Amino acid sequence: MPLLNQLSPEHEPLSETTYLILLTLVAEPKHGYAIMKTVEALSEGRTRLSTGTLYGALNRLLEASWIERIDNDEPVQTRRLRKAYRLTHLGQTILTAEIARLQRLVTLARLQTGKEAL
C-alpha cells in the first residue's frame, strides 16, 4: 500500500486488533505478553489475542514499519532478553489519522441523531 494512501483521510480503517495494538504502544514500548494483556484491558475483555494472532499482527506491523523491535533489559526466567516493540513515527501518524477518522464518525453520528452523549 503506498504511503500516501496510508496517510490520507480515505485510508482503509484499521482492524480493531491493529488499532488496539498500536494504541497500547503509545505511552511506552511493551513486550508481547504486555501487549496481549493491555489489549484485553482496553477492550474490556472483548478482544483476547492468541499468541499466533498477536505475533502475526506484530510481524505485519514490523513489515509495514509502523512499529519497531527494540531490546528490553528485562531478563525472563530463561535468561533471554524479551523483545519489546514501540511505535515508529509512521505508526504514530497512522494511529493519529485513525483516531481522527473515528472522531469524524462519532461527530457525524451526533449530528444525525441530535444526541450529544453517544
PDB file of N, CA and C in Angstrom:
ATOM      1  N   MET A   1       0.853  -1.173   0.000  1.00  0.00           N
ATOM      2  CA  MET A   1       0.000   0.000   0.000  1.00  0.00           C
ATOM      3  C   MET A   1       0.900   1.237   0.000  1.00  0.00           C
ATOM      4  N   PRO A   2       0.711   2.162  -0.924  1.00  0.00           N
ATOM      5  CA  PRO A   2       1.542   3.367  -0.970  1.00  0.00           C
ATOM      6  C   PRO A   2       1.362   4.217   0.284  1.00  0.00           C
ATOM      7  N   LEU A   3       2.435   4.885   0.652  1.00  0.00           N
ATOM      8  CA  LEU A   3       2.424   5.712   1.858  1.00  0.00           C
ATOM      9  C   LEU A   3       1.338   6.773   1.806  1.00  0.00           C
ATOM     10  N   LEU A   4       1.134   7.416   0.650  1.00  0.00           N
ATOM     11  CA  LEU A   4       0.122   8.465   0.563  1.00  0.00           C
ATOM     12  C   LEU A   4      -1.267   7.923   0.879  1.00  0.00           C
ATOM     13  N   ASN A   5      -1.558   6.697   0.424  1.00  0.00           N
ATOM     14  CA  ASN A   5      -2.853   6.108   0.745  1.00  0.00           C
ATOM     15  C   ASN A   5      -2.991   5.845   2.230  1.00  0.00           C
ATOM     16  N   GLN A   6      -1.900   5.498   2.896  1.00  0.00           N
ATOM     17  CA  GLN A   6      -1.946   5.216   4.326  1.00  0.00           C
ATOM     18  C   GLN A   6      -2.251   6.476   5.128  1.00  0.00           C
ATOM     19  N   LEU A   7      -1.851   7.616   4.621  1.00  0.00           N
ATOM     20  CA  LEU A   7      -1.974   8.843   5.393  1.00  0.00           C
ATOM     21  C   LEU A   7      -3.173   9.686   5.003  1.00  0.00           C
ATOM     22  N   SER A   8      -3.875   9.320   3.948  1.00  0.00           N
ATOM     23  CA  SER A   8      -4.998  10.129   3.505  1.00  0.00           C
ATOM     24  C   SER A   8      -6.219   9.843   4.372  1.00  0.00           C
ATOM     25  N   PRO A   9      -7.166  10.791   4.404  1.00  0.00           N
ATOM     26  CA  PRO A   9      -8.381  10.564   5.203  1.00  0.00           C
ATOM     27  C   PRO A   9      -9.181   9.364   4.716  1.00  0.00           C
ATOM     28  N   GLU A  10      -8.973   8.951   3.483  1.00  0.00           N
ATOM     29  CA  GLU A  10      -9.725   7.828   2.929  1.00  0.00           C
ATOM     30  C   GLU A  10      -9.041   6.492   3.191  1.00  0.00           C
ATOM     31  N   HIS A  11      -7.960   6.487   3.984  1.00  0.00           N
ATOM     32  CA  HIS A  11      -7.244   5.226   4.187  1.00  0.00           C
ATOM     33  C   HIS A  11      -8.181   4.164   4.749  1.00  0.00           C
ATOM     34  N   GLU A  12      -7.817   2.939   4.491  1.00  0.00           N
ATOM     35  CA  GLU A  12      -8.609   1.824   4.997  1.00  0.00           C
ATOM     36  C   GLU A  12      -8.692   1.902   6.510  1.00  0.00           C
ATOM     37  N   PRO A  13      -9.867   1.673   7.064  1.00  0.00           N
ATOM     38  CA  PRO A  13      -9.952   1.636   8.525  1.00  0.00           C
ATOM     39  C   PRO A  13      -9.070   0.522   9.071  1.00  0.00           C
ATOM     40  N   LEU A  14      -8.467   0.771  10.195  1.00  0.00           N
ATOM     41  CA  LEU A  14      -7.660  -0.256  10.846  1.00  0.00           C
ATOM     42  C   LEU A  14      -8.589  -1.290  11.461  1.00  0.00           C
ATOM     43  N   SER A  15      -8.140  -2.522  11.499  1.00  0.00           N
ATOM     44  CA  SER A  15      -8.906  -3.527  12.234  1.00  0.00           C
ATOM     45  C   SER A  15      -8.848  -3.156  13.713  1.00  0.00           C
ATOM     46  N   GLU A  16      -9.802  -3.644  14.478  1.00  0.00           N
ATOM     47  CA  GLU A  16      -9.803  -3.349  15.904  1.00  0.00           C
ATOM     48  C   GLU A  16      -8.520  -3.860  16.560  1.00  0.00           C
ATOM     49  N   THR A  17      -8.075  -5.033  16.134  1.00  0.00           N
ATOM     50  CA  THR A  17      -6.848  -5.607  16.700  1.00  0.00           C
ATOM     51  C   THR A  17      -5.652  -4.702  16.421  1.00  0.00           C
ATOM     52  N   THR A  18      -5.493  -4.275  15.185  1.00  0.00           N
ATOM     53  CA  THR A  18      -4.367  -3.407  14.830  1.00  0.00           C
ATOM     54  C   THR A  18      -4.451  -2.094  15.597  1.00  0.00           C
ATOM     55  N   TYR A  19      -5.643  -1.509  15.639  1.00  0.00           N
ATOM     56  CA  TYR A  19      -5.851  -0.254  16.353  1.00  0.00           C
ATOM     57  C   TYR A  19      -5.456  -0.388  17.822  1.00  0.00           C
ATOM     58  N   LEU A  20      -5.915  -1.449  18.463  1.00  0.00           N
ATOM     59  CA  LEU A  20      -5.619  -1.632  19.882  1.00  0.00           C
ATOM     60  C   LEU A  20      -4.137  -1.906  20.124  1.00  0.00           C
ATOM     61  N   ILE A  21      -3.500  -2.669  19.251  1.00  0.00           N
ATOM     62  CA  ILE A  21      -2.063  -2.915  19.411  1.00  0.00           C
ATOM     63  C   ILE A  21      -1.297  -1.604  19.313  1.00  0.00           C
ATOM     64  N   LEU A  22      -1.604  -0.795  18.302  1.00  0.00           N
ATOM     65  CA  LEU A  22      -0.913   0.494  18.168  1.00  0.00           C
ATOM     66  C   LEU A  22      -1.191   1.377  19.383  1.00  0.00           C
ATOM     67  N   LEU A  23      -2.420   1.371  19.842  1.00  0.00           N
ATOM     68  CA  LEU A  23      -2.796   2.190  20.997  1.00  0.00           C
ATOM     69  C   LEU A  23      -2.024   1.782  22.247  1.00  0.00           C
ATOM     70  N   THR A  24      -1.767   0.482  22.415  1.00  0.00           N
ATOM     71  CA  THR A  24      -1.036   0.033  23.601  1.00  0.00           C
ATOM     72  C   THR A  24       0.399   0.534  23.615  1.00  0.00           C
ATOM     73  N   LEU A  25       0.924   0.862  22.440  1.00  0.00           N
ATOM     74  CA  LEU A  25       2.330   1.252  22.350  1.00  0.00           C
ATOM     75  C   LEU A  25       2.548   2.766  22.382  1.00  0.00           C
ATOM     76  N   VAL A  26       1.486   3.534  22.557  1.00  0.00           N
ATOM     77  CA  VAL A  26       1.614   4.993  22.571  1.00  0.00           C
ATOM     78  C   VAL A  26       2.471   5.474  23.740  1.00  0.00           C
ATOM     79  N   ALA A  27       2.197   4.995  24.920  1.00  0.00           N
ATOM     80  CA  ALA A  27       2.862   5.510  26.117  1.00  0.00           C
ATOM     81  C   ALA A  27       4.291   5.011  26.266  1.00  0.00           C
ATOM     82  N   GLU A  28       4.512   3.735  25.932  1.00  0.00           N
ATOM     83  CA  GLU A  28       5.834   3.152  26.146  1.00  0.00           C
ATOM     84  C   GLU A  28       5.960   1.852  25.364  1.00  0.00           C
ATOM     85  N   PRO A  29       7.174   1.411  25.113  1.00  0.00           N
ATOM     86  CA  PRO A  29       7.368   0.105  24.467  1.00  0.00           C
ATOM     87  C   PRO A  29       6.855  -1.011  25.370  1.00  0.00           C
ATOM     88  N   LYS A  30       6.395  -2.095  24.753  1.00  0.00           N
ATOM     89  CA  LYS A  30       5.904  -3.249  25.511  1.00  0.00           C
ATOM     90  C   LYS A  30       6.342  -4.528  24.818  1.00  0.00           C
ATOM     91  N   HIS A  31       6.498  -5.582  25.600  1.00  0.00           N
ATOM     92  CA  HIS A  31       6.772  -6.895  25.033  1.00  0.00           C
ATOM     93  C   HIS A  31       5.427  -7.571  24.731  1.00  0.00           C
ATOM     94  N   GLY A  32       5.482  -8.688  24.039  1.00  0.00           N
ATOM     95  CA  GLY A  32       4.275  -9.349  23.550  1.00  0.00           C
ATOM     96  C   GLY A  32       3.221  -9.623  24.599  1.00  0.00           C
ATOM     97  N   TYR A  33       3.610 -10.218  25.720  1.00  0.00           N
ATOM     98  CA  TYR A  33       2.634 -10.555  26.749  1.00  0.00           C
ATOM     99  C   TYR A  33       1.960  -9.299  27.298  1.00  0.00           C
ATOM    100  N   ALA A  34       2.726  -8.236  27.497  1.00  0.00           N
ATOM    101  CA  ALA A  34       2.153  -6.967  27.996  1.00  0.00           C
ATOM    102  C   ALA A  34       1.183  -6.380  26.973  1.00  0.00           C
ATOM    103  N   ILE A  35       1.495  -6.525  25.687  1.00  0.00           N
ATOM    104  CA  ILE A  35       0.578  -6.050  24.644  1.00  0.00           C
ATOM    105  C   ILE A  35      -0.727  -6.839  24.722  1.00  0.00           C
ATOM    106  N   MET A  36      -0.638  -8.166  24.836  1.00  0.00           N
ATOM    107  CA  MET A  36      -1.843  -9.001  24.924  1.00  0.00           C
ATOM    108  C   MET A  36      -2.719  -8.585  26.100  1.00  0.00           C
ATOM    109  N   LYS A  37      -2.115  -8.384  27.255  1.00  0.00           N
ATOM    110  CA  LYS A  37      -2.873  -8.026  28.452  1.00  0.00           C
ATOM    111  C   LYS A  37      -3.467  -6.620  28.336  1.00  0.00           C
ATOM    112  N   THR A  38      -2.724  -5.687  27.763  1.00  0.00           N
ATOM    113  CA  THR A  38      -3.223  -4.322  27.629  1.00  0.00           C
ATOM    114  C   THR A  38      -4.367  -4.257  26.620  1.00  0.00           C
ATOM    115  N   VAL A  39      -4.251  -4.984  25.521  1.00  0.00           N
ATOM    116  CA  VAL A  39      -5.334  -5.034  24.531  1.00  0.00           C
ATOM    117  C   VAL A  39      -6.605  -5.579  25.188  1.00  0.00           C
ATOM    118  N   GLU A  40      -6.460  -6.631  25.955  1.00  0.00           N
ATOM    119  CA  GLU A  40      -7.618  -7.204  26.638  1.00  0.00           C
ATOM    120  C   GLU A  40      -8.241  -6.191  27.605  1.00  0.00           C
ATOM    121  N   ALA A  41      -7.403  -5.468  28.338  1.00  0.00           N
ATOM    122  CA  ALA A  41      -7.912  -4.474  29.290  1.00  0.00           C
ATOM    123  C   ALA A  41      -8.583  -3.302  28.567  1.00  0.00           C
ATOM    124  N   LEU A  42      -7.944  -2.788  27.516  1.00  0.00           N
ATOM    125  CA  LEU A  42      -8.520  -1.661  26.783  1.00  0.00           C
ATOM    126  C   LEU A  42      -9.870  -2.013  26.160  1.00  0.00           C
ATOM    127  N   SER A  43      -9.993  -3.254  25.711  1.00  0.00           N
ATOM    128  CA  SER A  43     -11.232  -3.676  25.060  1.00  0.00           C
ATOM    129  C   SER A  43     -12.250  -4.224  26.057  1.00  0.00           C
ATOM    130  N   GLU A  44     -11.948  -4.110  27.328  1.00  0.00           N
ATOM    131  CA  GLU A  44     -12.814  -4.615  28.396  1.00  0.00           C
ATOM    132  C   GLU A  44     -13.138  -6.090  28.185  1.00  0.00           C
ATOM    133  N   GLY A  45     -12.120  -6.845  27.735  1.00  0.00           N
ATOM    134  CA  GLY A  45     -12.255  -8.283  27.572  1.00  0.00           C
ATOM    135  C   GLY A  45     -12.832  -8.738  26.251  1.00  0.00           C
ATOM    136  N   ARG A  46     -13.259  -7.809  25.387  1.00  0.00           N
ATOM    137  CA  ARG A  46     -13.843  -8.194  24.102  1.00  0.00           C
ATOM    138  C   ARG A  46     -12.814  -8.755  23.135  1.00  0.00           C
ATOM    139  N   THR A  47     -11.573  -8.278  23.230  1.00  0.00           N
ATOM    140  CA  THR A  47     -10.520  -8.723  22.324  1.00  0.00           C
ATOM    141  C   THR A  47      -9.458  -9.447  23.133  1.00  0.00           C
ATOM    142  N   ARG A  48      -9.380 -10.743  22.926  1.00  0.00           N
ATOM    143  CA  ARG A  48      -8.361 -11.574  23.576  1.00  0.00           C
ATOM    144  C   ARG A  48      -7.526 -12.186  22.466  1.00  0.00           C
ATOM    145  N   LEU A  49      -6.279 -11.774  22.405  1.00  0.00           N
ATOM    146  CA  LEU A  49      -5.406 -12.214  21.326  1.00  0.00           C
ATOM    147  C   LEU A  49      -4.717 -13.527  21.676  1.00  0.00           C
ATOM    148  N   SER A  50      -4.767 -14.453  20.748  1.00  0.00           N
ATOM    149  CA  SER A  50      -3.950 -15.652  20.912  1.00  0.00           C
ATOM    150  C   SER A  50      -2.518 -15.261  20.565  1.00  0.00           C
ATOM    151  N   THR A  51      -1.592 -16.090  20.964  1.00  0.00           N
ATOM    152  CA  THR A  51      -0.184 -15.812  20.666  1.00  0.00           C
ATOM    153  C   THR A  51       0.033 -15.717  19.157  1.00  0.00           C
ATOM    154  N   GLY A  52      -0.576 -16.643  18.406  1.00  0.00           N
ATOM    155  CA  GLY A  52      -0.418 -16.641  16.952  1.00  0.00           C
ATOM    156  C   GLY A  52      -0.969 -15.382  16.306  1.00  0.00           C
ATOM    157  N   THR A  53      -2.144 -14.955  16.758  1.00  0.00           N
ATOM    158  CA  THR A  53      -2.747 -13.735  16.222  1.00  0.00           C
ATOM    159  C   THR A  53      -1.880 -12.525  16.545  1.00  0.00           C
ATOM    160  N   LEU A  54      -1.424 -12.438  17.785  1.00  0.00           N
ATOM    161  CA  LEU A  54      -0.601 -11.305  18.193  1.00  0.00           C
ATOM    162  C   LEU A  54       0.675 -11.224  17.363  1.00  0.00           C
ATOM    163  N   TYR A  55       1.418 -12.335  17.295  1.00  0.00           N
ATOM    164  CA  TYR A  55       2.704 -12.268  16.601  1.00  0.00           C
ATOM    165  C   TYR A  55       2.547 -12.156  15.091  1.00  0.00           C
ATOM    166  N   GLY A  56       1.447 -12.653  14.544  1.00  0.00           N
ATOM    167  CA  GLY A  56       1.146 -12.419  13.134  1.00  0.00           C
ATOM    168  C   GLY A  56       0.923 -10.929  12.878  1.00  0.00           C
ATOM    169  N   ALA A  57       0.144 -10.297  13.757  1.00  0.00           N
ATOM    170  CA  ALA A  57      -0.125  -8.857  13.633  1.00  0.00           C
ATOM    171  C   ALA A  57       1.158  -8.052  13.831  1.00  0.00           C
ATOM    172  N   LEU A  58       1.953  -8.426  14.833  1.00  0.00           N
ATOM    173  CA  LEU A  58       3.214  -7.707  15.072  1.00  0.00           C
ATOM    174  C   LEU A  58       4.143  -7.830  13.869  1.00  0.00           C
ATOM    175  N   ASN A  59       4.201  -9.003  13.255  1.00  0.00           N
ATOM    176  CA  ASN A  59       5.051  -9.160  12.070  1.00  0.00           C
ATOM    177  C   ASN A  59       4.578  -8.277  10.922  1.00  0.00           C
ATOM    178  N   ARG A  60       3.263  -8.188  10.719  1.00  0.00           N
ATOM    179  CA  ARG A  60       2.738  -7.302   9.663  1.00  0.00           C
ATOM    180  C   ARG A  60       3.059  -5.841   9.971  1.00  0.00           C
ATOM    181  N   LEU A  61       2.925  -5.454  11.239  1.00  0.00           N
ATOM    182  CA  LEU A  61       3.220  -4.073  11.622  1.00  0.00           C
ATOM    183  C   LEU A  61       4.715  -3.774  11.488  1.00  0.00           C
ATOM    184  N   LEU A  62       5.560  -4.751  11.791  1.00  0.00           N
ATOM    185  CA  LEU A  62       7.005  -4.585  11.601  1.00  0.00           C
ATOM    186  C   LEU A  62       7.331  -4.415  10.117  1.00  0.00           C
ATOM    187  N   GLU A  63       6.732  -5.260   9.265  1.00  0.00           N
ATOM    188  CA  GLU A  63       6.971  -5.175   7.823  1.00  0.00           C
ATOM    189  C   GLU A  63       6.508  -3.850   7.245  1.00  0.00           C
ATOM    190  N   ALA A  64       5.428  -3.309   7.775  1.00  0.00           N
ATOM    191  CA  ALA A  64       4.895  -2.028   7.302  1.00  0.00           C
ATOM    192  C   ALA A  64       5.638  -0.842   7.913  1.00  0.00           C
ATOM    193  N   SER A  65       6.557  -1.113   8.842  1.00  0.00           N
ATOM    194  CA  SER A  65       7.330  -0.076   9.546  1.00  0.00           C
ATOM    195  C   SER A  65       6.464   0.814  10.430  1.00  0.00           C
ATOM    196  N   TRP A  66       5.360   0.259  10.929  1.00  0.00           N
ATOM    197  CA  TRP A  66       4.522   1.007  11.853  1.00  0.00           C
ATOM    198  C   TRP A  66       5.021   0.843  13.277  1.00  0.00           C
ATOM    199  N   ILE A  67       5.734  -0.254  13.527  1.00  0.00           N
ATOM    200  CA  ILE A  67       6.367  -0.486  14.824  1.00  0.00           C
ATOM    201  C   ILE A  67       7.797  -0.961  14.566  1.00  0.00           C
ATOM    202  N   GLU A  68       8.603  -0.943  15.634  1.00  0.00           N
ATOM    203  CA  GLU A  68       9.955  -1.497  15.529  1.00  0.00           C
ATOM    204  C   GLU A  68      10.242  -2.298  16.785  1.00  0.00           C
ATOM    205  N   ARG A  69      11.137  -3.260  16.637  1.00  0.00           N
ATOM    206  CA  ARG A  69      11.524  -4.124  17.748  1.00  0.00           C
ATOM    207  C   ARG A  69      12.731  -3.494  18.425  1.00  0.00           C
ATOM    208  N   ILE A  70      12.728  -3.507  19.739  1.00  0.00           N
ATOM    209  CA  ILE A  70      13.861  -2.985  20.497  1.00  0.00           C
ATOM    210  C   ILE A  70      14.236  -3.999  21.565  1.00  0.00           C
ATOM    211  N   ASP A  71      15.469  -3.944  22.016  1.00  0.00           N
ATOM    212  CA  ASP A  71      15.886  -4.810  23.106  1.00  0.00           C
ATOM    213  C   ASP A  71      15.357  -4.250  24.410  1.00  0.00           C
ATOM    214  N   ASN A  72      14.922  -5.139  25.253  1.00  0.00           N
ATOM    215  CA  ASN A  72      14.424  -4.770  26.570  1.00  0.00           C
ATOM    216  C   ASN A  72      15.412  -5.362  27.577  1.00  0.00           C
ATOM    217  N   ASP A  73      15.828  -4.594  28.548  1.00  0.00           N
ATOM    218  CA  ASP A  73      16.823  -5.049  29.514  1.00  0.00           C
ATOM    219  C   ASP A  73      16.250  -5.978  30.576  1.00  0.00           C
ATOM    220  N   GLU A  74      15.005  -6.355  30.444  1.00  0.00           N
ATOM    221  CA  GLU A  74      14.325  -7.151  31.456  1.00  0.00           C
ATOM    222  C   GLU A  74      14.479  -8.647  31.140  1.00  0.00           C
ATOM    223  N   PRO A  75      15.390  -9.354  31.816  1.00  0.00           N
ATOM    224  CA  PRO A  75      15.553 -10.780  31.515  1.00  0.00           C
ATOM    225  C   PRO A  75      14.371 -11.599  32.009  1.00  0.00           C
ATOM    226  N   VAL A  76      14.029 -12.605  31.254  1.00  0.00           N
ATOM    227  CA  VAL A  76      12.990 -13.537  31.691  1.00  0.00           C
ATOM    228  C   VAL A  76      13.668 -14.723  32.344  1.00  0.00           C
ATOM    229  N   GLN A  77      12.899 -15.645  32.865  1.00  0.00           N
ATOM    230  CA  GLN A  77      13.468 -16.754  33.629  1.00  0.00           C
ATOM    231  C   GLN A  77      14.470 -17.583  32.827  1.00  0.00           C
ATOM    232  N   THR A  78      14.337 -17.621  31.507  1.00  0.00           N
ATOM    233  CA  THR A  78      15.262 -18.424  30.704  1.00  0.00           C
ATOM    234  C   THR A  78      16.560 -17.663  30.418  1.00  0.00           C
ATOM    235  N   ARG A  79      16.693 -16.497  31.001  1.00  0.00           N
ATOM    236  CA  ARG A  79      17.869 -15.634  30.830  1.00  0.00           C
ATOM    237  C   ARG A  79      17.953 -14.997  29.444  1.00  0.00           C
ATOM    238  N   ARG A  80      16.893 -15.157  28.652  1.00  0.00           N
ATOM    239  CA  ARG A  80      16.851 -14.453  27.372  1.00  0.00           C
ATOM    240  C   ARG A  80      16.293 -13.059  27.617  1.00  0.00           C
ATOM    241  N   LEU A  81      16.648 -12.123  26.784  1.00  0.00           N
ATOM    242  CA  LEU A  81      16.064 -10.798  26.878  1.00  0.00           C
ATOM    243  C   LEU A  81      14.776 -10.781  26.069  1.00  0.00           C
ATOM    244  N   ARG A  82      13.747 -10.202  26.631  1.00  0.00           N
ATOM    245  CA  ARG A  82      12.486 -10.067  25.907  1.00  0.00           C
ATOM    246  C   ARG A  82      12.643  -9.010  24.836  1.00  0.00           C
ATOM    247  N   LYS A  83      11.977  -9.228  23.732  1.00  0.00           N
ATOM    248  CA  LYS A  83      11.934  -8.215  22.685  1.00  0.00           C
ATOM    249  C   LYS A  83      10.722  -7.333  22.947  1.00  0.00           C
ATOM    250  N   ALA A  84      10.937  -6.064  22.935  1.00  0.00           N
ATOM    251  CA  ALA A  84       9.841  -5.120  23.114  1.00  0.00           C
ATOM    252  C   ALA A  84       9.583  -4.437  21.777  1.00  0.00           C
ATOM    253  N   TYR A  85       8.417  -3.835  21.681  1.00  0.00           N
ATOM    254  CA  TYR A  85       8.006  -3.165  20.446  1.00  0.00           C
ATOM    255  C   TYR A  85       7.618  -1.744  20.789  1.00  0.00           C
ATOM    256  N   ARG A  86       7.886  -0.836  19.850  1.00  0.00           N
ATOM    257  CA  ARG A  86       7.450   0.549  20.033  1.00  0.00           C
ATOM    258  C   ARG A  86       6.963   1.098  18.701  1.00  0.00           C
ATOM    259  N   LEU A  87       6.139   2.126  18.803  1.00  0.00           N
ATOM    260  CA  LEU A  87       5.629   2.790  17.608  1.00  0.00           C
ATOM    261  C   LEU A  87       6.755   3.526  16.896  1.00  0.00           C
ATOM    262  N   THR A  88       6.709   3.514  15.587  1.00  0.00           N
ATOM    263  CA  THR A  88       7.594   4.372  14.807  1.00  0.00           C
ATOM    264  C   THR A  88       6.854   5.683  14.546  1.00  0.00           C
ATOM    265  N   HIS A  89       7.533   6.622  13.944  1.00  0.00           N
ATOM    266  CA  HIS A  89       6.878   7.883  13.579  1.00  0.00           C
ATOM    267  C   HIS A  89       5.710   7.596  12.627  1.00  0.00           C
ATOM    268  N   LEU A  90       5.940   6.695  11.672  1.00  0.00           N
ATOM    269  CA  LEU A  90       4.872   6.329  10.732  1.00  0.00           C
ATOM    270  C   LEU A  90       3.701   5.690  11.472  1.00  0.00           C
ATOM    271  N   GLY A  91       3.979   4.797  12.406  1.00  0.00           N
ATOM    272  CA  GLY A  91       2.919   4.166  13.177  1.00  0.00           C
ATOM    273  C   GLY A  91       2.108   5.176  13.967  1.00  0.00           C
ATOM    274  N   GLN A  92       2.790   6.152  14.556  1.00  0.00           N
ATOM    275  CA  GLN A  92       2.095   7.212  15.295  1.00  0.00           C
ATOM    276  C   GLN A  92       1.217   8.027  14.352  1.00  0.00           C
ATOM    277  N   THR A  93       1.722   8.301  13.157  1.00  0.00           N
ATOM    278  CA  THR A  93       0.957   9.060  12.163  1.00  0.00           C
ATOM    279  C   THR A  93      -0.285   8.290  11.739  1.00  0.00           C
ATOM    280  N   ILE A  94      -0.138   6.999  11.499  1.00  0.00           N
ATOM    281  CA  ILE A  94      -1.278   6.159  11.112  1.00  0.00           C
ATOM    282  C   ILE A  94      -2.310   6.118  12.235  1.00  0.00           C
ATOM    283  N   LEU A  95      -1.856   5.944  13.468  1.00  0.00           N
ATOM    284  CA  LEU A  95      -2.769   5.897  14.609  1.00  0.00           C
ATOM    285  C   LEU A  95      -3.496   7.224  14.775  1.00  0.00           C
ATOM    286  N   THR A  96      -2.791   8.324  14.642  1.00  0.00           N
ATOM    287  CA  THR A  96      -3.406   9.649  14.756  1.00  0.00           C
ATOM    288  C   THR A  96      -4.469   9.845  13.671  1.00  0.00           C
ATOM    289  N   ALA A  97      -4.177   9.396  12.454  1.00  0.00           N
ATOM    290  CA  ALA A  97      -5.148   9.506  11.356  1.00  0.00           C
ATOM    291  C   ALA A  97      -6.387   8.658  11.645  1.00  0.00           C
ATOM    292  N   GLU A  98      -6.187   7.470  12.215  1.00  0.00           N
ATOM    293  CA  GLU A  98      -7.317   6.603  12.539  1.00  0.00           C
ATOM    294  C   GLU A  98      -8.172   7.204  13.648  1.00  0.00           C
ATOM    295  N   ILE A  99      -7.542   7.763  14.655  1.00  0.00           N
ATOM    296  CA  ILE A  99      -8.291   8.414  15.736  1.00  0.00           C
ATOM    297  C   ILE A  99      -9.125   9.562  15.174  1.00  0.00           C
ATOM    298  N   ALA A 100      -8.537  10.356  14.282  1.00  0.00           N
ATOM    299  CA  ALA A 100      -9.272  11.467  13.661  1.00  0.00           C
ATOM    300  C   ALA A 100     -10.449  10.941  12.836  1.00  0.00           C
ATOM    301  N   ARG A 101     -10.236   9.834  12.113  1.00  0.00           N
ATOM    302  CA  ARG A 101     -11.309   9.238  11.314  1.00  0.00           C
ATOM    303  C   ARG A 101     -12.461   8.789  12.221  1.00  0.00           C
ATOM    304  N   LEU A 102     -12.128   8.138  13.323  1.00  0.00           N
ATOM    305  CA  LEU A 102     -13.154   7.682  14.258  1.00  0.00           C
ATOM    306  C   LEU A 102     -13.888   8.864  14.901  1.00  0.00           C
ATOM    307  N   GLN A 103     -13.152   9.922  15.210  1.00  0.00           N
ATOM    308  CA  GLN A 103     -13.787  11.111  15.788  1.00  0.00           C
ATOM    309  C   GLN A 103     -14.771  11.735  14.795  1.00  0.00           C
ATOM    310  N   ARG A 104     -14.401  11.754  13.500  1.00  0.00           N
ATOM    311  CA  ARG A 104     -15.318  12.281  12.482  1.00  0.00           C
ATOM    312  C   ARG A 104     -16.595  11.447  12.419  1.00  0.00           C
ATOM    313  N   LEU A 105     -16.474  10.142  12.542  1.00  0.00           N
ATOM    314  CA  LEU A 105     -17.645   9.272  12.522  1.00  0.00           C
ATOM    315  C   LEU A 105     -18.558   9.535  13.716  1.00  0.00           C
ATOM    316  N   VAL A 106     -17.981   9.717  14.887  1.00  0.00           N
ATOM    317  CA  VAL A 106     -18.784   9.996  16.084  1.00  0.00           C
ATOM    318  C   VAL A 106     -19.467  11.354  15.953  1.00  0.00           C
ATOM    319  N   THR A 107     -18.749  12.337  15.443  1.00  0.00           N
ATOM    320  CA  THR A 107     -19.343  13.666  15.234  1.00  0.00           C
ATOM    321  C   THR A 107     -20.519  13.577  14.269  1.00  0.00           C
ATOM    322  N   LEU A 108     -20.353  12.835  13.183  1.00  0.00           N
ATOM    323  CA  LEU A 108     -21.428  12.653  12.218  1.00  0.00           C
ATOM    324  C   LEU A 108     -22.639  11.982  12.866  1.00  0.00           C
ATOM    325  N   ALA A 109     -22.397  10.966  13.674  1.00  0.00           N
ATOM    326  CA  ALA A 109     -23.496  10.269  14.360  1.00  0.00           C
ATOM    327  C   ALA A 109     -24.232  11.221  15.297  1.00  0.00           C
ATOM    328  N   ARG A 110     -23.486  12.038  15.994  1.00  0.00           N
ATOM    329  CA  ARG A 110     -24.124  13.004  16.912  1.00  0.00           C
ATOM    330  C   ARG A 110     -24.970  14.017  16.144  1.00  0.00           C
ATOM    331  N   LEU A 111     -24.451  14.483  15.031  1.00  0.00           N
ATOM    332  CA  LEU A 111     -25.197  15.439  14.215  1.00  0.00           C
ATOM    333  C   LEU A 111     -26.478  14.820  13.645  1.00  0.00           C
ATOM    334  N   GLN A 112     -26.371  13.594  13.199  1.00  0.00           N
ATOM    335  CA  GLN A 112     -27.513  12.919  12.584  1.00  0.00           C
ATOM    336  C   GLN A 112     -28.582  12.554  13.607  1.00  0.00           C
ATOM    337  N   THR A 113     -28.179  12.231  14.808  1.00  0.00           N
ATOM    338  CA  THR A 113     -29.158  11.803  15.819  1.00  0.00           C
ATOM    339  C   THR A 113     -29.581  12.932  16.739  1.00  0.00           C
ATOM    340  N   GLY A 114     -28.832  14.049  16.708  1.00  0.00           N
ATOM    341  CA  GLY A 114     -29.151  15.155  17.594  1.00  0.00           C
ATOM    342  C   GLY A 114     -28.815  14.863  19.041  1.00  0.00           C
ATOM    343  N   LYS A 115     -27.962  13.876  19.249  1.00  0.00           N
ATOM    344  CA  LYS A 115     -27.616  13.487  20.623  1.00  0.00           C
ATOM    345  C   LYS A 115     -26.152  13.798  20.886  1.00  0.00           C
ATOM    346  N   GLU A 116     -25.905  14.472  21.988  1.00  0.00           N
ATOM    347  CA  GLU A 116     -24.537  14.822  22.376  1.00  0.00           C
ATOM    348  C   GLU A 116     -23.786  13.657  22.974  1.00  0.00           C
ATOM    349  N   ALA A 117     -24.455  12.856  23.767  1.00  0.00           N
ATOM    350  CA  ALA A 117     -23.771  11.813  24.526  1.00  0.00           C
ATOM    351  C   ALA A 117     -23.960  10.448  23.873  1.00  0.00           C
ATOM    352  N   LEU A 118     -23.314  10.255  22.756  1.00  0.00           N
ATOM    353  CA  LEU A 118     -23.331   8.923  22.110  1.00  0.00           C
ATOM    354  C   LEU A 118     -22.138   8.135  22.530  1.00  0.00           C
TER     355      LEU A 118
END
